[in-house]
Amino acid sequence: MKRFLEWIDSLLMKVSCRMFAQHISSEMPLPQGLSARLFFWVHWAVCPFCRRYWAEIKALGDLQRATSRLANHPIVKLPELKSRLKDNFRRKKA
């Protein structure tokens, strides 16, 4: 059991929380090689702080995508559309 715990500790030391955060926040590609990817995902699976950080960054990305989609939606520009229609209506009456 002690050897297993030492092995888990050595896996965790291969990828630090700082390295994990840098990869997540800068959209860098995952480390190359099977063992490097394994260390990365093992760290994610074991570290509760990195899982929470992952969830927060994912939520921010989802929010950003949703707001950027809404910014281009025609309903968002409804006040501008109403004012243009009123102006056109006034011009036609005059």
N, C-alpha and C. Protein backbone atom coordinates (compact mmCIF):
# COMPACT_ATOMS: atom_id res chain seq x y z
N MET A 1 0.83 -1.20 0.00
CA MET A 1 0.00 0.00 0.00
C MET A 1 0.87 1.26 0.00
N LYS A 2 1.98 1.19 0.74
CA LYS A 2 2.87 2.35 0.81
C LYS A 2 3.48 2.65 -0.56
N ARG A 3 3.86 1.60 -1.28
CA ARG A 3 4.44 1.79 -2.62
C ARG A 3 3.42 2.41 -3.57
N PHE A 4 2.17 1.99 -3.43
CA PHE A 4 1.12 2.54 -4.28
C PHE A 4 0.94 4.04 -4.01
N LEU A 5 0.93 4.42 -2.74
CA LEU A 5 0.79 5.84 -2.40
C LEU A 5 1.99 6.65 -2.89
N GLU A 6 3.18 6.07 -2.81
CA GLU A 6 4.37 6.76 -3.33
C GLU A 6 4.26 6.92 -4.85
N TRP A 7 3.73 5.90 -5.52
CA TRP A 7 3.56 5.98 -6.96
C TRP A 7 2.55 7.07 -7.33
N ILE A 8 1.46 7.17 -6.57
CA ILE A 8 0.46 8.22 -6.81
C ILE A 8 1.09 9.59 -6.58
N ASP A 9 1.87 9.73 -5.53
CA ASP A 9 2.56 11.00 -5.27
C ASP A 9 3.51 11.37 -6.41
N SER A 10 4.21 10.38 -6.93
CA SER A 10 5.12 10.67 -8.05
C SER A 10 4.34 11.08 -9.29
N LEU A 11 3.16 10.50 -9.51
CA LEU A 11 2.33 10.91 -10.63
C LEU A 11 1.87 12.36 -10.47
N LEU A 12 1.51 12.71 -9.26
CA LEU A 12 1.03 14.07 -9.02
C LEU A 12 2.13 15.10 -9.17
N MET A 13 3.35 14.72 -8.89
CA MET A 13 4.47 15.66 -9.01
C MET A 13 4.86 15.91 -10.46
N LYS A 14 4.46 15.04 -11.37
CA LYS A 14 4.81 15.22 -12.78
C LYS A 14 4.11 16.45 -13.35
N VAL A 15 2.88 16.72 -12.92
CA VAL A 15 2.12 17.88 -13.38
C VAL A 15 1.71 18.66 -12.14
N SER A 16 2.14 19.91 -12.06
CA SER A 16 1.76 20.73 -10.91
C SER A 16 0.46 21.46 -11.22
N CYS A 17 -0.15 22.02 -10.20
CA CYS A 17 -1.37 22.81 -10.39
C CYS A 17 -1.09 24.01 -11.29
N ARG A 18 0.09 24.58 -11.14
CA ARG A 18 0.45 25.74 -11.97
C ARG A 18 0.53 25.35 -13.45
N MET A 19 1.16 24.22 -13.74
CA MET A 19 1.25 23.76 -15.12
C MET A 19 -0.14 23.45 -15.68
N PHE A 20 -0.98 22.84 -14.86
CA PHE A 20 -2.33 22.52 -15.27
C PHE A 20 -3.10 23.80 -15.60
N ALA A 21 -3.01 24.79 -14.73
CA ALA A 21 -3.72 26.06 -14.94
C ALA A 21 -3.21 26.78 -16.19
N GLN A 22 -1.92 26.71 -16.44
CA GLN A 22 -1.38 27.35 -17.64
C GLN A 22 -1.92 26.71 -18.91
N HIS A 23 -2.01 25.40 -18.90
CA HIS A 23 -2.54 24.71 -20.08
C HIS A 23 -4.01 25.04 -20.29
N ILE A 24 -4.77 25.11 -19.21
CA ILE A 24 -6.21 25.35 -19.32
C ILE A 24 -6.50 26.79 -19.73
N SER A 25 -5.86 27.74 -19.08
CA SER A 25 -6.20 29.14 -19.31
C SER A 25 -5.63 29.70 -20.60
N SER A 26 -4.56 29.15 -21.12
CA SER A 26 -3.97 29.69 -22.33
C SER A 26 -4.33 28.89 -23.58
N GLU A 27 -5.16 27.90 -23.43
CA GLU A 27 -5.57 27.03 -24.53
C GLU A 27 -4.38 26.42 -25.27
N MET A 28 -3.34 26.15 -24.52
CA MET A 28 -2.20 25.45 -25.09
C MET A 28 -2.62 24.01 -25.37
N PRO A 29 -2.04 23.40 -26.38
CA PRO A 29 -2.38 21.98 -26.62
C PRO A 29 -1.89 21.12 -25.45
N LEU A 30 -2.53 20.00 -25.30
CA LEU A 30 -2.11 19.08 -24.24
C LEU A 30 -0.69 18.62 -24.50
N PRO A 31 0.01 18.24 -23.44
CA PRO A 31 1.38 17.75 -23.63
C PRO A 31 1.41 16.57 -24.59
N GLN A 32 2.48 16.48 -25.35
CA GLN A 32 2.62 15.41 -26.33
C GLN A 32 3.08 14.13 -25.63
N GLY A 33 2.68 13.04 -26.17
CA GLY A 33 3.08 11.74 -25.63
C GLY A 33 2.03 11.18 -24.70
N LEU A 34 1.91 9.89 -24.71
CA LEU A 34 0.89 9.22 -23.91
C LEU A 34 1.13 9.41 -22.42
N SER A 35 2.36 9.29 -21.99
CA SER A 35 2.63 9.41 -20.55
C SER A 35 2.37 10.83 -20.05
N ALA A 36 2.72 11.84 -20.85
CA ALA A 36 2.48 13.22 -20.44
C ALA A 36 0.99 13.50 -20.34
N ARG A 37 0.22 13.01 -21.29
CA ARG A 37 -1.24 13.18 -21.23
C ARG A 37 -1.83 12.43 -20.04
N LEU A 38 -1.31 11.25 -19.77
CA LEU A 38 -1.79 10.47 -18.64
C LEU A 38 -1.53 11.23 -17.33
N PHE A 39 -0.34 11.79 -17.18
CA PHE A 39 -0.03 12.55 -15.96
C PHE A 39 -0.96 13.76 -15.83
N PHE A 40 -1.23 14.41 -16.95
CA PHE A 40 -2.12 15.57 -16.96
C PHE A 40 -3.52 15.18 -16.47
N TRP A 41 -4.09 14.12 -17.03
CA TRP A 41 -5.45 13.72 -16.67
C TRP A 41 -5.51 13.06 -15.30
N VAL A 42 -4.45 12.39 -14.89
CA VAL A 42 -4.42 11.84 -13.53
C VAL A 42 -4.44 12.98 -12.52
N HIS A 43 -3.67 14.03 -12.81
CA HIS A 43 -3.67 15.19 -11.91
C HIS A 43 -5.07 15.79 -11.84
N TRP A 44 -5.74 15.92 -12.99
CA TRP A 44 -7.09 16.47 -13.02
C TRP A 44 -8.05 15.61 -12.20
N ALA A 45 -7.90 14.29 -12.31
CA ALA A 45 -8.80 13.38 -11.61
C ALA A 45 -8.59 13.39 -10.10
N VAL A 46 -7.36 13.65 -9.67
CA VAL A 46 -7.04 13.55 -8.26
C VAL A 46 -7.14 14.90 -7.54
N CYS A 47 -6.84 15.99 -8.22
CA CYS A 47 -6.75 17.29 -7.56
C CYS A 47 -8.11 18.01 -7.58
N PRO A 48 -8.73 18.21 -6.43
CA PRO A 48 -10.04 18.88 -6.42
C PRO A 48 -9.96 20.35 -6.82
N PHE A 49 -8.83 20.99 -6.57
CA PHE A 49 -8.68 22.41 -6.91
C PHE A 49 -8.60 22.60 -8.42
N CYS A 50 -7.90 21.71 -9.09
CA CYS A 50 -7.81 21.80 -10.55
C CYS A 50 -9.12 21.45 -11.21
N ARG A 51 -9.87 20.51 -10.64
CA ARG A 51 -11.20 20.21 -11.19
C ARG A 51 -12.12 21.42 -11.05
N ARG A 52 -12.04 22.11 -9.90
CA ARG A 52 -12.88 23.30 -9.71
C ARG A 52 -12.45 24.40 -10.67
N TYR A 53 -11.14 24.58 -10.85
CA TYR A 53 -10.64 25.59 -11.78
C TYR A 53 -11.10 25.26 -13.20
N TRP A 54 -11.04 24.00 -13.58
CA TRP A 54 -11.49 23.55 -14.89
C TRP A 54 -12.96 23.92 -15.08
N ALA A 55 -13.78 23.64 -14.07
CA ALA A 55 -15.21 23.94 -14.16
C ALA A 55 -15.46 25.45 -14.28
N GLU A 56 -14.70 26.25 -13.54
CA GLU A 56 -14.86 27.70 -13.61
C GLU A 56 -14.48 28.24 -14.98
N ILE A 57 -13.38 27.77 -15.53
CA ILE A 57 -12.95 28.23 -16.85
C ILE A 57 -13.95 27.78 -17.91
N LYS A 58 -14.46 26.56 -17.76
CA LYS A 58 -15.46 26.06 -18.71
C LYS A 58 -16.73 26.91 -18.64
N ALA A 59 -17.16 27.27 -17.42
CA ALA A 59 -18.35 28.11 -17.27
C ALA A 59 -18.13 29.49 -17.88
N LEU A 60 -16.94 30.05 -17.70
CA LEU A 60 -16.64 31.34 -18.31
C LEU A 60 -16.68 31.26 -19.83
N GLY A 61 -16.13 30.19 -20.37
CA GLY A 61 -16.16 30.00 -21.82
C GLY A 61 -17.58 29.85 -22.35
N ASP A 62 -18.40 29.08 -21.61
CA ASP A 62 -19.80 28.92 -22.03
C ASP A 62 -20.54 30.25 -21.98
N LEU A 63 -20.29 31.03 -20.94
CA LEU A 63 -20.92 32.35 -20.81
C LEU A 63 -20.48 33.28 -21.94
N GLN A 64 -19.21 33.25 -22.26
CA GLN A 64 -18.70 34.09 -23.33
C GLN A 64 -19.31 33.70 -24.67
N ARG A 65 -19.42 32.40 -24.93
CA ARG A 65 -20.04 31.96 -26.18
C ARG A 65 -21.50 32.36 -26.25
N ALA A 66 -22.20 32.24 -25.12
CA ALA A 66 -23.62 32.59 -25.10
C ALA A 66 -23.82 34.09 -25.32
N THR A 67 -23.01 34.92 -24.68
CA THR A 67 -23.17 36.36 -24.85
C THR A 67 -22.75 36.81 -26.23
N SER A 68 -21.76 36.17 -26.82
CA SER A 68 -21.36 36.58 -28.17
C SER A 68 -22.43 36.19 -29.19
N ARG A 69 -23.11 35.06 -28.95
CA ARG A 69 -24.21 34.68 -29.83
C ARG A 69 -25.38 35.65 -29.68
N LEU A 70 -25.63 36.08 -28.43
CA LEU A 70 -26.74 37.01 -28.20
C LEU A 70 -26.45 38.39 -28.77
N ALA A 71 -25.20 38.78 -28.80
CA ALA A 71 -24.86 40.11 -29.32
C ALA A 71 -25.20 40.24 -30.79
N ASN A 72 -25.17 39.15 -31.53
CA ASN A 72 -25.47 39.18 -32.95
C ASN A 72 -26.93 38.86 -33.24
N HIS A 73 -27.70 38.60 -32.21
CA HIS A 73 -29.10 38.27 -32.39
C HIS A 73 -29.90 39.55 -32.66
N PRO A 74 -30.85 39.53 -33.59
CA PRO A 74 -31.58 40.75 -33.95
C PRO A 74 -32.40 41.35 -32.81
N ILE A 75 -32.86 40.53 -31.86
CA ILE A 75 -33.68 41.05 -30.77
C ILE A 75 -32.86 41.95 -29.86
N VAL A 76 -31.56 41.69 -29.75
CA VAL A 76 -30.71 42.51 -28.90
C VAL A 76 -30.70 43.95 -29.41
N LYS A 77 -30.81 44.13 -30.71
CA LYS A 77 -30.78 45.47 -31.30
C LYS A 77 -32.18 46.04 -31.47
N LEU A 78 -33.14 45.54 -30.70
CA LEU A 78 -34.53 45.96 -30.82
C LEU A 78 -34.73 47.46 -30.55
N PRO A 79 -34.13 48.07 -29.52
CA PRO A 79 -34.31 49.51 -29.32
C PRO A 79 -33.84 50.33 -30.52
N GLU A 80 -32.72 49.92 -31.09
CA GLU A 80 -32.21 50.62 -32.28
C GLU A 80 -33.19 50.46 -33.44
N LEU A 81 -33.74 49.28 -33.60
CA LEU A 81 -34.70 49.02 -34.66
C LEU A 81 -35.97 49.85 -34.47
N LYS A 82 -36.44 49.94 -33.23
CA LYS A 82 -37.64 50.74 -32.95
C LYS A 82 -37.41 52.21 -33.29
N SER A 83 -36.26 52.74 -32.90
CA SER A 83 -35.99 54.16 -33.19
C SER A 83 -35.90 54.41 -34.70
N ARG A 84 -35.31 53.48 -35.44
CA ARG A 84 -35.24 53.65 -36.90
C ARG A 84 -36.63 53.61 -37.53
N LEU A 85 -37.48 52.70 -37.05
CA LEU A 85 -38.84 52.61 -37.57
C LEU A 85 -39.64 53.88 -37.27
N LYS A 86 -39.46 54.42 -36.07
CA LYS A 86 -40.15 55.66 -35.71
C LYS A 86 -39.69 56.81 -36.60
N ASP A 87 -38.38 56.88 -36.82
CA ASP A 87 -37.84 57.93 -37.69
C ASP A 87 -38.39 57.81 -39.11
N ASN A 88 -38.41 56.59 -39.64
CA ASN A 88 -38.95 56.39 -40.99
C ASN A 88 -40.43 56.74 -41.05
N PHE A 89 -41.18 56.39 -40.01
CA PHE A 89 -42.60 56.68 -39.97
C PHE A 89 -42.83 58.19 -39.94
N ARG A 90 -42.03 58.90 -39.16
CA ARG A 90 -42.15 60.36 -39.08
C ARG A 90 -41.82 61.02 -40.42
N ARG A 91 -40.82 60.51 -41.09
CA ARG A 91 -40.43 61.08 -42.38
C ARG A 91 -41.53 60.91 -43.44
N LYS A 92 -42.18 59.74 -43.40
CA LYS A 92 -43.25 59.48 -44.37
C LYS A 92 -44.46 60.35 -44.12
N LYS A 93 -44.73 60.66 -42.85
CA LYS A 93 -45.86 61.53 -42.52
C LYS A 93 -45.61 62.96 -42.95
N ALA A 94 -44.37 63.38 -42.87
CA ALA A 94 -44.05 64.79 -43.17
C ALA A 94 -43.99 65.10 -44.63
